[in-house]
PDB file of all heavy atoms in Angstrom:
ATOM      1  N   LYS A   1       0.821  -1.207   0.000  1.00  0.00           N
ATOM      2  CA  LYS A   1       0.000   0.000   0.000  1.00  0.00           C
ATOM      3  C   LYS A   1       0.854   1.256   0.000  1.00  0.00           C
ATOM      4  O   LYS A   1       0.533   2.248  -0.660  1.00  0.00           O
ATOM      5  CB  LYS A   1      -0.928   0.010   1.211  1.00  0.00           C
ATOM      6  CG  LYS A   1      -1.906   1.187   1.221  1.00  0.00           C
ATOM      7  CD  LYS A   1      -2.872   1.083   2.365  1.00  0.00           C
ATOM      8  CE  LYS A   1      -3.906   2.203   2.333  1.00  0.00           C
ATOM      9  NZ  LYS A   1      -4.744   2.172   1.130  1.00  0.00           N
ATOM     10  N   ASN A   2       1.963   1.226   0.731  1.00  0.00           N
ATOM     11  CA  ASN A   2       2.797   2.413   0.872  1.00  0.00           C
ATOM     12  C   ASN A   2       3.965   2.456  -0.106  1.00  0.00           C
ATOM     13  O   ASN A   2       4.827   3.333   0.003  1.00  0.00           O
ATOM     14  CB  ASN A   2       3.328   2.509   2.305  1.00  0.00           C
ATOM     15  CG  ASN A   2       2.209   2.758   3.310  1.00  0.00           C
ATOM     16  OD1 ASN A   2       1.202   3.391   2.984  1.00  0.00           O
ATOM     17  ND2 ASN A   2       2.369   2.253   4.515  1.00  0.00           N
ATOM     18  N   PHE A   3       4.018   1.514  -1.059  1.00  0.00           N
ATOM     19  CA  PHE A   3       5.072   1.603  -2.071  1.00  0.00           C
ATOM     20  C   PHE A   3       4.933   2.963  -2.756  1.00  0.00           C
ATOM     21  O   PHE A   3       3.829   3.383  -3.107  1.00  0.00           O
ATOM     22  CB  PHE A   3       4.942   0.473  -3.093  1.00  0.00           C
ATOM     23  CG  PHE A   3       6.104   0.413  -4.040  1.00  0.00           C
ATOM     24  CD1 PHE A   3       7.328  -0.091  -3.627  1.00  0.00           C
ATOM     25  CD2 PHE A   3       5.984   0.898  -5.341  1.00  0.00           C
ATOM     26  CE1 PHE A   3       8.413  -0.125  -4.488  1.00  0.00           C
ATOM     27  CE2 PHE A   3       7.062   0.875  -6.202  1.00  0.00           C
ATOM     28  CZ  PHE A   3       8.288   0.367  -5.781  1.00  0.00           C
ATOM     29  N   PRO A   4       6.034   3.676  -2.954  1.00  0.00           N
ATOM     30  CA  PRO A   4       5.935   5.062  -3.409  1.00  0.00           C
ATOM     31  C   PRO A   4       5.339   5.269  -4.795  1.00  0.00           C
ATOM     32  O   PRO A   4       4.845   6.361  -5.102  1.00  0.00           O
ATOM     33  CB  PRO A   4       7.383   5.562  -3.359  1.00  0.00           C
ATOM     34  CG  PRO A   4       8.232   4.341  -3.314  1.00  0.00           C
ATOM     35  CD  PRO A   4       7.412   3.311  -2.613  1.00  0.00           C
ATOM     36  N   TYR A   5       5.360   4.243  -5.628  1.00  0.00           N
ATOM     37  CA  TYR A   5       4.838   4.366  -6.984  1.00  0.00           C
ATOM     38  C   TYR A   5       3.634   3.446  -7.173  1.00  0.00           C
ATOM     39  O   TYR A   5       3.397   2.541  -6.363  1.00  0.00           O
ATOM     40  CB  TYR A   5       5.935   4.032  -8.002  1.00  0.00           C
ATOM     41  CG  TYR A   5       7.065   5.038  -8.022  1.00  0.00           C
ATOM     42  CD1 TYR A   5       8.267   4.777  -7.364  1.00  0.00           C
ATOM     43  CD2 TYR A   5       6.927   6.262  -8.686  1.00  0.00           C
ATOM     44  CE1 TYR A   5       9.301   5.704  -7.373  1.00  0.00           C
ATOM     45  CE2 TYR A   5       7.961   7.186  -8.700  1.00  0.00           C
ATOM     46  CZ  TYR A   5       9.144   6.907  -8.046  1.00  0.00           C
ATOM     47  OH  TYR A   5      10.159   7.831  -8.051  1.00  0.00           O
ATOM     48  N   PRO A   6       2.864   3.634  -8.259  1.00  0.00           N
ATOM     49  CA  PRO A   6       1.652   2.829  -8.472  1.00  0.00           C
ATOM     50  C   PRO A   6       1.925   1.335  -8.592  1.00  0.00           C
ATOM     51  O   PRO A   6       2.976   0.900  -9.060  1.00  0.00           O
ATOM     52  CB  PRO A   6       1.098   3.389  -9.789  1.00  0.00           C
ATOM     53  CG  PRO A   6       1.603   4.806  -9.832  1.00  0.00           C
ATOM     54  CD  PRO A   6       2.978   4.735  -9.237  1.00  0.00           C
ATOM     55  N   THR A   7       0.937   0.542  -8.164  1.00  0.00           N
ATOM     56  CA  THR A   7       1.020  -0.916  -8.196  1.00  0.00           C
ATOM     57  C   THR A   7      -0.207  -1.485  -8.898  1.00  0.00           C
ATOM     58  O   THR A   7      -1.311  -0.935  -8.797  1.00  0.00           O
ATOM     59  CB  THR A   7       1.118  -1.497  -6.782  1.00  0.00           C
ATOM     60  OG1 THR A   7      -0.017  -1.036  -6.008  1.00  0.00           O
ATOM     61  CG2 THR A   7       2.400  -1.044  -6.090  1.00  0.00           C
ATOM     62  N   ILE A   8       0.002  -2.603  -9.597  1.00  0.00           N
ATOM     63  CA  ILE A   8      -1.083  -3.264 -10.333  1.00  0.00           C
ATOM     64  C   ILE A   8      -1.124  -4.744  -9.954  1.00  0.00           C
ATOM     65  O   ILE A   8      -0.100  -5.432 -10.015  1.00  0.00           O
ATOM     66  CB  ILE A   8      -0.879  -3.157 -11.861  1.00  0.00           C
ATOM     67  CG1 ILE A   8      -0.774  -1.685 -12.304  1.00  0.00           C
ATOM     68  CG2 ILE A   8      -2.020  -3.853 -12.610  1.00  0.00           C
ATOM     69  CD1 ILE A   8      -0.414  -1.518 -13.785  1.00  0.00           C
ATOM     70  N   ALA A   9      -2.300  -5.230  -9.578  1.00  0.00           N
ATOM     71  CA  ALA A   9      -2.499  -6.668  -9.377  1.00  0.00           C
ATOM     72  C   ALA A   9      -3.082  -7.229 -10.664  1.00  0.00           C
ATOM     73  O   ALA A   9      -4.149  -6.792 -11.109  1.00  0.00           O
ATOM     74  CB  ALA A   9      -3.446  -6.925  -8.215  1.00  0.00           C
ATOM     75  N   MET A  10      -2.373  -8.171 -11.290  1.00  0.00           N
ATOM     76  CA  MET A  10      -2.829  -8.786 -12.542  1.00  0.00           C
ATOM     77  C   MET A  10      -3.305 -10.197 -12.234  1.00  0.00           C
ATOM     78  O   MET A  10      -2.510 -11.103 -11.990  1.00  0.00           O
ATOM     79  CB  MET A  10      -1.697  -8.806 -13.568  1.00  0.00           C
ATOM     80  CG  MET A  10      -2.098  -9.422 -14.897  1.00  0.00           C
ATOM     81  SD  MET A  10      -0.871  -9.207 -16.215  1.00  0.00           S
ATOM     82  CE  MET A  10       0.486 -10.217 -15.610  1.00  0.00           C
ATOM     83  N   TRP A  11      -4.631 -10.389 -12.249  1.00  0.00           N
ATOM     84  CA  TRP A  11      -5.215 -11.677 -11.899  1.00  0.00           C
ATOM     85  C   TRP A  11      -5.204 -12.604 -13.108  1.00  0.00           C
ATOM     86  O   TRP A  11      -6.092 -12.572 -13.948  1.00  0.00           O
ATOM     87  CB  TRP A  11      -6.646 -11.505 -11.416  1.00  0.00           C
ATOM     88  CG  TRP A  11      -6.786 -10.681 -10.174  1.00  0.00           C
ATOM     89  CD1 TRP A  11      -5.819 -10.371  -9.270  1.00  0.00           C
ATOM     90  CD2 TRP A  11      -7.989 -10.067  -9.699  1.00  0.00           C
ATOM     91  NE1 TRP A  11      -6.328  -9.600  -8.255  1.00  0.00           N
ATOM     92  CE2 TRP A  11      -7.663  -9.394  -8.502  1.00  0.00           C
ATOM     93  CE3 TRP A  11      -9.294 -10.008 -10.174  1.00  0.00           C
ATOM     94  CZ2 TRP A  11      -8.617  -8.683  -7.764  1.00  0.00           C
ATOM     95  CZ3 TRP A  11     -10.241  -9.294  -9.447  1.00  0.00           C
ATOM     96  CH2 TRP A  11      -9.899  -8.650  -8.256  1.00  0.00           C
ATOM     97  N   ASN A  12      -4.211 -13.454 -13.167  1.00  0.00           N
ATOM     98  CA  ASN A  12      -4.129 -14.444 -14.242  1.00  0.00           C
ATOM     99  C   ASN A  12      -5.070 -15.627 -13.989  1.00  0.00           C
ATOM    100  O   ASN A  12      -5.452 -16.336 -14.917  1.00  0.00           O
ATOM    101  CB  ASN A  12      -2.707 -14.993 -14.346  1.00  0.00           C
ATOM    102  CG  ASN A  12      -2.245 -15.582 -13.020  1.00  0.00           C
ATOM    103  OD1 ASN A  12      -1.994 -14.838 -12.074  1.00  0.00           O
ATOM    104  ND2 ASN A  12      -2.147 -16.901 -12.921  1.00  0.00           N
ATOM    105  N   GLY A  13      -5.440 -15.830 -12.723  1.00  0.00           N
ATOM    106  CA  GLY A  13      -6.306 -16.947 -12.353  1.00  0.00           C
ATOM    107  C   GLY A  13      -7.090 -16.598 -11.111  1.00  0.00           C
ATOM    108  O   GLY A  13      -7.139 -15.438 -10.690  1.00  0.00           O
ATOM    109  N   TYR A  14      -7.712 -17.605 -10.492  1.00  0.00           N
ATOM    110  CA  TYR A  14      -8.623 -17.321  -9.387  1.00  0.00           C
ATOM    111  C   TYR A  14      -7.913 -16.659  -8.211  1.00  0.00           C
ATOM    112  O   TYR A  14      -6.717 -16.811  -8.008  1.00  0.00           O
ATOM    113  CB  TYR A  14      -9.391 -18.569  -8.957  1.00  0.00           C
ATOM    114  CG  TYR A  14      -8.561 -19.783  -8.612  1.00  0.00           C
ATOM    115  CD1 TYR A  14      -7.936 -19.893  -7.387  1.00  0.00           C
ATOM    116  CD2 TYR A  14      -8.441 -20.838  -9.520  1.00  0.00           C
ATOM    117  CE1 TYR A  14      -7.200 -21.023  -7.058  1.00  0.00           C
ATOM    118  CE2 TYR A  14      -7.715 -21.969  -9.205  1.00  0.00           C
ATOM    119  CZ  TYR A  14      -7.089 -22.057  -7.975  1.00  0.00           C
ATOM    120  OH  TYR A  14      -6.353 -23.171  -7.653  1.00  0.00           O
ATOM    121  N   CYS A  15      -8.699 -15.904  -7.465  1.00  0.00           N
ATOM    122  CA  CYS A  15      -8.147 -15.025  -6.436  1.00  0.00           C
ATOM    123  C   CYS A  15      -9.085 -15.022  -5.232  1.00  0.00           C
ATOM    124  O   CYS A  15     -10.236 -14.584  -5.338  1.00  0.00           O
ATOM    125  CB  CYS A  15      -8.006 -13.618  -7.016  1.00  0.00           C
ATOM    126  SG  CYS A  15      -7.259 -12.419  -5.896  1.00  0.00           S
ATOM    127  N   PHE A  16      -8.582 -15.520  -4.088  1.00  0.00           N
ATOM    128  CA  PHE A  16      -9.430 -15.650  -2.913  1.00  0.00           C
ATOM    129  C   PHE A  16      -8.731 -15.134  -1.654  1.00  0.00           C
ATOM    130  O   PHE A  16      -7.502 -15.049  -1.595  1.00  0.00           O
ATOM    131  CB  PHE A  16      -9.827 -17.116  -2.703  1.00  0.00           C
ATOM    132  CG  PHE A  16     -10.815 -17.627  -3.699  1.00  0.00           C
ATOM    133  CD1 PHE A  16     -10.391 -18.217  -4.888  1.00  0.00           C
ATOM    134  CD2 PHE A  16     -12.172 -17.504  -3.477  1.00  0.00           C
ATOM    135  CE1 PHE A  16     -11.309 -18.675  -5.820  1.00  0.00           C
ATOM    136  CE2 PHE A  16     -13.100 -17.967  -4.397  1.00  0.00           C
ATOM    137  CZ  PHE A  16     -12.661 -18.554  -5.571  1.00  0.00           C
ATOM    138  N   GLY A  17      -9.534 -14.831  -0.640  1.00  0.00           N
ATOM    139  CA  GLY A  17      -9.029 -14.534   0.695  1.00  0.00           C
ATOM    140  C   GLY A  17      -7.949 -13.478   0.731  1.00  0.00           C
ATOM    141  O   GLY A  17      -8.106 -12.365   0.228  1.00  0.00           O
ATOM    142  N   ALA A  18      -6.830 -13.844   1.357  1.00  0.00           N
ATOM    143  CA  ALA A  18      -5.731 -12.897   1.536  1.00  0.00           C
ATOM    144  C   ALA A  18      -5.158 -12.426   0.206  1.00  0.00           C
ATOM    145  O   ALA A  18      -4.663 -11.304   0.104  1.00  0.00           O
ATOM    146  CB  ALA A  18      -4.625 -13.539   2.374  1.00  0.00           C
ATOM    147  N   GLY A  19      -5.240 -13.275  -0.833  1.00  0.00           N
ATOM    148  CA  GLY A  19      -4.781 -12.848  -2.151  1.00  0.00           C
ATOM    149  C   GLY A  19      -5.635 -11.727  -2.702  1.00  0.00           C
ATOM    150  O   GLY A  19      -5.129 -10.785  -3.332  1.00  0.00           O
ATOM    151  N   LEU A  20      -6.950 -11.820  -2.456  1.00  0.00           N
ATOM    152  CA  LEU A  20      -7.851 -10.755  -2.892  1.00  0.00           C
ATOM    153  C   LEU A  20      -7.628  -9.507  -2.061  1.00  0.00           C
ATOM    154  O   LEU A  20      -7.622  -8.380  -2.584  1.00  0.00           O
ATOM    155  CB  LEU A  20      -9.303 -11.233  -2.778  1.00  0.00           C
ATOM    156  CG  LEU A  20     -10.378 -10.289  -3.307  1.00  0.00           C
ATOM    157  CD1 LEU A  20     -10.108  -9.863  -4.731  1.00  0.00           C
ATOM    158  CD2 LEU A  20     -11.754 -10.950  -3.189  1.00  0.00           C
ATOM    159  N   ASN A  21      -7.416  -9.669  -0.764  1.00  0.00           N
ATOM    160  CA  ASN A  21      -7.125  -8.529   0.109  1.00  0.00           C
ATOM    161  C   ASN A  21      -5.844  -7.828  -0.335  1.00  0.00           C
ATOM    162  O   ASN A  21      -5.783  -6.592  -0.404  1.00  0.00           O
ATOM    163  CB  ASN A  21      -7.013  -8.998   1.552  1.00  0.00           C
ATOM    164  CG  ASN A  21      -7.076  -7.866   2.568  1.00  0.00           C
ATOM    165  OD1 ASN A  21      -7.290  -8.101   3.760  1.00  0.00           O
ATOM    166  ND2 ASN A  21      -6.856  -6.621   2.142  1.00  0.00           N
ATOM    167  N   LEU A  22      -4.799  -8.600  -0.643  1.00  0.00           N
ATOM    168  CA  LEU A  22      -3.557  -8.014  -1.134  1.00  0.00           C
ATOM    169  C   LEU A  22      -3.805  -7.195  -2.400  1.00  0.00           C
ATOM    170  O   LEU A  22      -3.251  -6.101  -2.575  1.00  0.00           O
ATOM    171  CB  LEU A  22      -2.531  -9.107  -1.411  1.00  0.00           C
ATOM    172  CG  LEU A  22      -1.197  -8.652  -2.014  1.00  0.00           C
ATOM    173  CD1 LEU A  22      -0.426  -7.784  -1.028  1.00  0.00           C
ATOM    174  CD2 LEU A  22      -0.353  -9.851  -2.435  1.00  0.00           C
ATOM    175  N   SER A  23      -4.671  -7.705  -3.270  1.00  0.00           N
ATOM    176  CA  SER A  23      -4.996  -6.991  -4.502  1.00  0.00           C
ATOM    177  C   SER A  23      -5.691  -5.660  -4.221  1.00  0.00           C
ATOM    178  O   SER A  23      -5.511  -4.683  -4.952  1.00  0.00           O
ATOM    179  CB  SER A  23      -5.905  -7.857  -5.390  1.00  0.00           C
ATOM    180  OG  SER A  23      -5.273  -9.064  -5.732  1.00  0.00           O
ATOM    181  N   MET A  24      -6.490  -5.628  -3.160  1.00  0.00           N
ATOM    182  CA  MET A  24      -7.224  -4.411  -2.833  1.00  0.00           C
ATOM    183  C   MET A  24      -6.308  -3.274  -2.389  1.00  0.00           C
ATOM    184  O   MET A  24      -6.683  -2.107  -2.471  1.00  0.00           O
ATOM    185  CB  MET A  24      -8.262  -4.692  -1.742  1.00  0.00           C
ATOM    186  CG  MET A  24      -9.410  -5.564  -2.186  1.00  0.00           C
ATOM    187  SD  MET A  24     -10.397  -4.884  -3.551  1.00  0.00           S
ATOM    188  CE  MET A  24      -9.978  -6.064  -4.849  1.00  0.00           C
ATOM    189  N   VAL A  25      -5.118  -3.603  -1.878  1.00  0.00           N
ATOM    190  CA  VAL A  25      -4.201  -2.531  -1.480  1.00  0.00           C
ATOM    191  C   VAL A  25      -3.326  -2.095  -2.645  1.00  0.00           C
ATOM    192  O   VAL A  25      -2.548  -1.148  -2.512  1.00  0.00           O
ATOM    193  CB  VAL A  25      -3.329  -2.909  -0.260  1.00  0.00           C
ATOM    194  CG1 VAL A  25      -4.198  -3.260   0.923  1.00  0.00           C
ATOM    195  CG2 VAL A  25      -2.371  -4.043  -0.581  1.00  0.00           C
ATOM    196  N   CYS A  26      -3.439  -2.789  -3.785  1.00  0.00           N
ATOM    197  CA  CYS A  26      -2.798  -2.302  -5.005  1.00  0.00           C
ATOM    198  C   CYS A  26      -3.645  -1.155  -5.562  1.00  0.00           C
ATOM    199  O   CYS A  26      -4.835  -1.044  -5.288  1.00  0.00           O
ATOM    200  CB  CYS A  26      -2.677  -3.423  -6.040  1.00  0.00           C
ATOM    201  SG  CYS A  26      -1.497  -4.721  -5.587  1.00  0.00           S
ATOM    202  N   ASP A  27      -3.029  -0.328  -6.380  1.00  0.00           N
ATOM    203  CA  ASP A  27      -3.732   0.845  -6.906  1.00  0.00           C
ATOM    204  C   ASP A  27      -4.697   0.496  -8.034  1.00  0.00           C
ATOM    205  O   ASP A  27      -5.743   1.135  -8.183  1.00  0.00           O
ATOM    206  CB  ASP A  27      -2.711   1.868  -7.404  1.00  0.00           C
ATOM    207  CG  ASP A  27      -1.818   2.378  -6.286  1.00  0.00           C
ATOM    208  OD1 ASP A  27      -2.351   2.992  -5.341  1.00  0.00           O
ATOM    209  OD2 ASP A  27      -0.596   2.146  -6.335  1.00  0.00           O
ATOM    210  N   ILE A  28      -4.360  -0.525  -8.824  1.00  0.00           N
ATOM    211  CA  ILE A  28      -5.145  -0.904  -9.997  1.00  0.00           C
ATOM    212  C   ILE A  28      -5.204  -2.427 -10.059  1.00  0.00           C
ATOM    213  O   ILE A  28      -4.261  -3.108  -9.659  1.00  0.00           O
ATOM    214  CB  ILE A  28      -4.499  -0.348 -11.291  1.00  0.00           C
ATOM    215  CG1 ILE A  28      -4.455   1.189 -11.259  1.00  0.00           C
ATOM    216  CG2 ILE A  28      -5.243  -0.823 -12.541  1.00  0.00           C
ATOM    217  CD1 ILE A  28      -3.607   1.802 -12.359  1.00  0.00           C
ATOM    218  N   ARG A  29      -6.333  -2.964 -10.577  1.00  0.00           N
ATOM    219  CA  ARG A  29      -6.464  -4.402 -10.743  1.00  0.00           C
ATOM    220  C   ARG A  29      -6.915  -4.717 -12.169  1.00  0.00           C
ATOM    221  O   ARG A  29      -7.836  -4.069 -12.685  1.00  0.00           O
ATOM    222  CB  ARG A  29      -7.481  -4.966  -9.731  1.00  0.00           C
ATOM    223  CG  ARG A  29      -6.949  -4.979  -8.308  1.00  0.00           C
ATOM    224  CD  ARG A  29      -8.044  -5.016  -7.269  1.00  0.00           C
ATOM    225  NE  ARG A  29      -8.835  -3.778  -7.249  1.00  0.00           N
ATOM    226  CZ  ARG A  29      -8.418  -2.643  -6.692  1.00  0.00           C
ATOM    227  NH1 ARG A  29      -7.236  -2.581  -6.117  1.00  0.00           N
ATOM    228  NH2 ARG A  29      -9.175  -1.567  -6.731  1.00  0.00           N
ATOM    229  N   THR A  30      -6.251  -5.692 -12.800  1.00  0.00           N
ATOM    230  CA  THR A  30      -6.669  -6.192 -14.105  1.00  0.00           C
ATOM    231  C   THR A  30      -6.903  -7.696 -13.976  1.00  0.00           C
ATOM    232  O   THR A  30      -6.308  -8.349 -13.122  1.00  0.00           O
ATOM    233  CB  THR A  30      -5.609  -5.929 -15.190  1.00  0.00           C
ATOM    234  OG1 THR A  30      -4.401  -6.649 -14.871  1.00  0.00           O
ATOM    235  CG2 THR A  30      -5.285  -4.444 -15.289  1.00  0.00           C
ATOM    236  N   ALA A  31      -7.777  -8.244 -14.837  1.00  0.00           N
ATOM    237  CA  ALA A  31      -8.130  -9.653 -14.678  1.00  0.00           C
ATOM    238  C   ALA A  31      -8.427 -10.322 -16.005  1.00  0.00           C
ATOM    239  O   ALA A  31      -8.949  -9.695 -16.939  1.00  0.00           O
ATOM    240  CB  ALA A  31      -9.348  -9.792 -13.767  1.00  0.00           C
ATOM    241  N   SER A  32      -8.125 -11.607 -16.064  1.00  0.00           N
ATOM    242  CA  SER A  32      -8.586 -12.452 -17.160  1.00  0.00           C
ATOM    243  C   SER A  32     -10.090 -12.658 -17.010  1.00  0.00           C
ATOM    244  O   SER A  32     -10.612 -12.714 -15.888  1.00  0.00           O
ATOM    245  CB  SER A  32      -7.865 -13.798 -17.105  1.00  0.00           C
ATOM    246  OG  SER A  32      -8.554 -14.774 -17.853  1.00  0.00           O
ATOM    247  N   ASP A  33     -10.789 -12.786 -18.131  1.00  0.00           N
ATOM    248  CA  ASP A  33     -12.245 -12.959 -18.065  1.00  0.00           C
ATOM    249  C   ASP A  33     -12.653 -14.334 -17.543  1.00  0.00           C
ATOM    250  O   ASP A  33     -13.842 -14.606 -17.343  1.00  0.00           O
ATOM    251  CB  ASP A  33     -12.890 -12.691 -19.426  1.00  0.00           C
ATOM    252  CG  ASP A  33     -12.340 -13.577 -20.538  1.00  0.00           C
ATOM    253  OD1 ASP A  33     -11.551 -14.493 -20.253  1.00  0.00           O
ATOM    254  OD2 ASP A  33     -12.701 -13.331 -21.713  1.00  0.00           O
ATOM    255  N   THR A  34     -11.684 -15.201 -17.300  1.00  0.00           N
ATOM    256  CA  THR A  34     -11.981 -16.525 -16.741  1.00  0.00           C
ATOM    257  C   THR A  34     -11.830 -16.574 -15.217  1.00  0.00           C
ATOM    258  O   THR A  34     -12.100 -17.597 -14.600  1.00  0.00           O
ATOM    259  CB  THR A  34     -11.038 -17.582 -17.349  1.00  0.00           C
ATOM    260  OG1 THR A  34      -9.683 -17.237 -17.025  1.00  0.00           O
ATOM    261  CG2 THR A  34     -11.188 -17.636 -18.864  1.00  0.00           C
ATOM    262  N   VAL A  35     -11.404 -15.478 -14.624  1.00  0.00           N
ATOM    263  CA  VAL A  35     -11.098 -15.441 -13.192  1.00  0.00           C
ATOM    264  C   VAL A  35     -12.351 -15.600 -12.332  1.00  0.00           C
ATOM    265  O   VAL A  35     -13.416 -15.049 -12.633  1.00  0.00           O
ATOM    266  CB  VAL A  35     -10.377 -14.114 -12.840  1.00  0.00           C
ATOM    267  CG1 VAL A  35     -10.400 -13.842 -11.338  1.00  0.00           C
ATOM    268  CG2 VAL A  35      -8.939 -14.146 -13.340  1.00  0.00           C
ATOM    269  N   LYS A  36     -12.202 -16.337 -11.233  1.00  0.00           N
ATOM    270  CA  LYS A  36     -13.200 -16.421 -10.174  1.00  0.00           C
ATOM    271  C   LYS A  36     -12.563 -15.883  -8.897  1.00  0.00           C
ATOM    272  O   LYS A  36     -11.364 -16.071  -8.667  1.00  0.00           O
ATOM    273  CB  LYS A  36     -13.653 -17.864  -9.945  1.00  0.00           C
ATOM    274  CG  LYS A  36     -14.249 -18.545 -11.175  1.00  0.00           C
ATOM    275  CD  LYS A  36     -15.573 -17.935 -11.575  1.00  0.00           C
ATOM    276  CE  LYS A  36     -16.183 -18.711 -12.740  1.00  0.00           C
ATOM    277  NZ  LYS A  36     -17.471 -18.100 -13.198  1.00  0.00           N
ATOM    278  N   LEU A  37     -13.345 -15.232  -8.061  1.00  0.00           N
ATOM    279  CA  LEU A  37     -12.805 -14.662  -6.841  1.00  0.00           C
ATOM    280  C   LEU A  37     -13.842 -14.650  -5.738  1.00  0.00           C
ATOM    281  O   LEU A  37     -15.039 -14.791  -5.989  1.00  0.00           O
ATOM    282  CB  LEU A  37     -12.303 -13.240  -7.090  1.00  0.00           C
ATOM    283  CG  LEU A  37     -13.340 -12.240  -7.605  1.00  0.00           C
ATOM    284  CD1 LEU A  37     -13.260 -10.935  -6.835  1.00  0.00           C
ATOM    285  CD2 LEU A  37     -13.094 -11.960  -9.092  1.00  0.00           C
ATOM    286  N   GLY A  38     -13.361 -14.488  -4.499  1.00  0.00           N
ATOM    287  CA  GLY A  38     -14.293 -14.441  -3.390  1.00  0.00           C
ATOM    288  C   GLY A  38     -13.586 -14.266  -2.055  1.00  0.00           C
ATOM    289  O   GLY A  38     -12.372 -14.408  -1.949  1.00  0.00           O
ATOM    290  N   MET A  39     -14.382 -13.933  -1.042  1.00  0.00           N
ATOM    291  CA  MET A  39     -13.907 -13.792   0.330  1.00  0.00           C
ATOM    292  C   MET A  39     -14.725 -14.734   1.209  1.00  0.00           C
ATOM    293  O   MET A  39     -15.905 -14.488   1.455  1.00  0.00           O
ATOM    294  CB  MET A  39     -14.052 -12.352   0.813  1.00  0.00           C
ATOM    295  CG  MET A  39     -13.011 -11.415   0.237  1.00  0.00           C
ATOM    296  SD  MET A  39     -11.302 -11.875   0.635  1.00  0.00           S
ATOM    297  CE  MET A  39     -11.283 -11.700   2.415  1.00  0.00           C
ATOM    298  N   PRO A  40     -14.129 -15.826   1.705  1.00  0.00           N
ATOM    299  CA  PRO A  40     -14.886 -16.870   2.402  1.00  0.00           C
ATOM    300  C   PRO A  40     -14.969 -16.791   3.924  1.00  0.00           C
ATOM    301  O   PRO A  40     -15.410 -17.770   4.531  1.00  0.00           O
ATOM    302  CB  PRO A  40     -14.100 -18.128   2.003  1.00  0.00           C
ATOM    303  CG  PRO A  40     -12.676 -17.651   1.905  1.00  0.00           C
ATOM    304  CD  PRO A  40     -12.763 -16.241   1.369  1.00  0.00           C
ATOM    305  N   PRO A  41     -14.576 -15.708   4.610  1.00  0.00           N
ATOM    306  CA  PRO A  41     -14.601 -15.731   6.080  1.00  0.00           C
ATOM    307  C   PRO A  41     -15.932 -16.174   6.683  1.00  0.00           C
ATOM    308  O   PRO A  41     -15.949 -16.934   7.654  1.00  0.00           O
ATOM    309  CB  PRO A  41     -14.280 -14.285   6.465  1.00  0.00           C
ATOM    310  CG  PRO A  41     -13.428 -13.786   5.353  1.00  0.00           C
ATOM    311  CD  PRO A  41     -14.010 -14.422   4.126  1.00  0.00           C
ATOM    312  N   ALA A  42     -17.050 -15.718   6.114  1.00  0.00           N
ATOM    313  CA  ALA A  42     -18.357 -16.073   6.689  1.00  0.00           C
ATOM    314  C   ALA A  42     -18.640 -17.566   6.564  1.00  0.00           C
ATOM    315  O   ALA A  42     -19.409 -18.128   7.351  1.00  0.00           O
ATOM    316  CB  ALA A  42     -19.466 -15.273   5.996  1.00  0.00           C
ATOM    317  N   LYS A  43     -18.032 -18.223   5.589  1.00  0.00           N
ATOM    318  CA  LYS A  43     -18.219 -19.656   5.416  1.00  0.00           C
ATOM    319  C   LYS A  43     -17.254 -20.467   6.278  1.00  0.00           C
ATOM    320  O   LYS A  43     -17.375 -21.689   6.368  1.00  0.00           O
ATOM    321  CB  LYS A  43     -18.051 -20.029   3.946  1.00  0.00           C
ATOM    322  CG  LYS A  43     -19.135 -19.452   3.038  1.00  0.00           C
ATOM    323  CD  LYS A  43     -19.008 -19.953   1.629  1.00  0.00           C
ATOM    324  CE  LYS A  43     -20.103 -19.370   0.746  1.00  0.00           C
ATOM    325  NZ  LYS A  43     -21.470 -19.763   1.148  1.00  0.00           N
ATOM    326  N   LEU A  44     -16.302 -19.774   6.901  1.00  0.00           N
ATOM    327  CA  LEU A  44     -15.317 -20.445   7.748  1.00  0.00           C
ATOM    328  C   LEU A  44     -15.531 -20.163   9.238  1.00  0.00           C
ATOM    329  O   LEU A  44     -14.903 -20.784  10.085  1.00  0.00           O
ATOM    330  CB  LEU A  44     -13.899 -20.004   7.361  1.00  0.00           C
ATOM    331  CG  LEU A  44     -13.456 -20.347   5.938  1.00  0.00           C
ATOM    332  CD1 LEU A  44     -12.132 -19.664   5.621  1.00  0.00           C
ATOM    333  CD2 LEU A  44     -13.334 -21.856   5.765  1.00  0.00           C
ATOM    334  N   GLY A  45     -16.387 -19.179   9.531  1.00  0.00           N
ATOM    335  CA  GLY A  45     -16.597 -18.811  10.928  1.00  0.00           C
ATOM    336  C   GLY A  45     -15.644 -17.745  11.421  1.00  0.00           C
ATOM    337  O   GLY A  45     -15.513 -17.527  12.629  1.00  0.00           O
TER     338      GLY A  45
END
């Protein structure tokens, strides 16, 4: 998040949990149209 220059998360494949959270602190996100993603905490308790 605090890297001095812009950051991009490029989702080549599925993205879940902490990987998705890490992507959210990047400045920009790009994705393949085949990507699936999600945040499962509620399903884990």
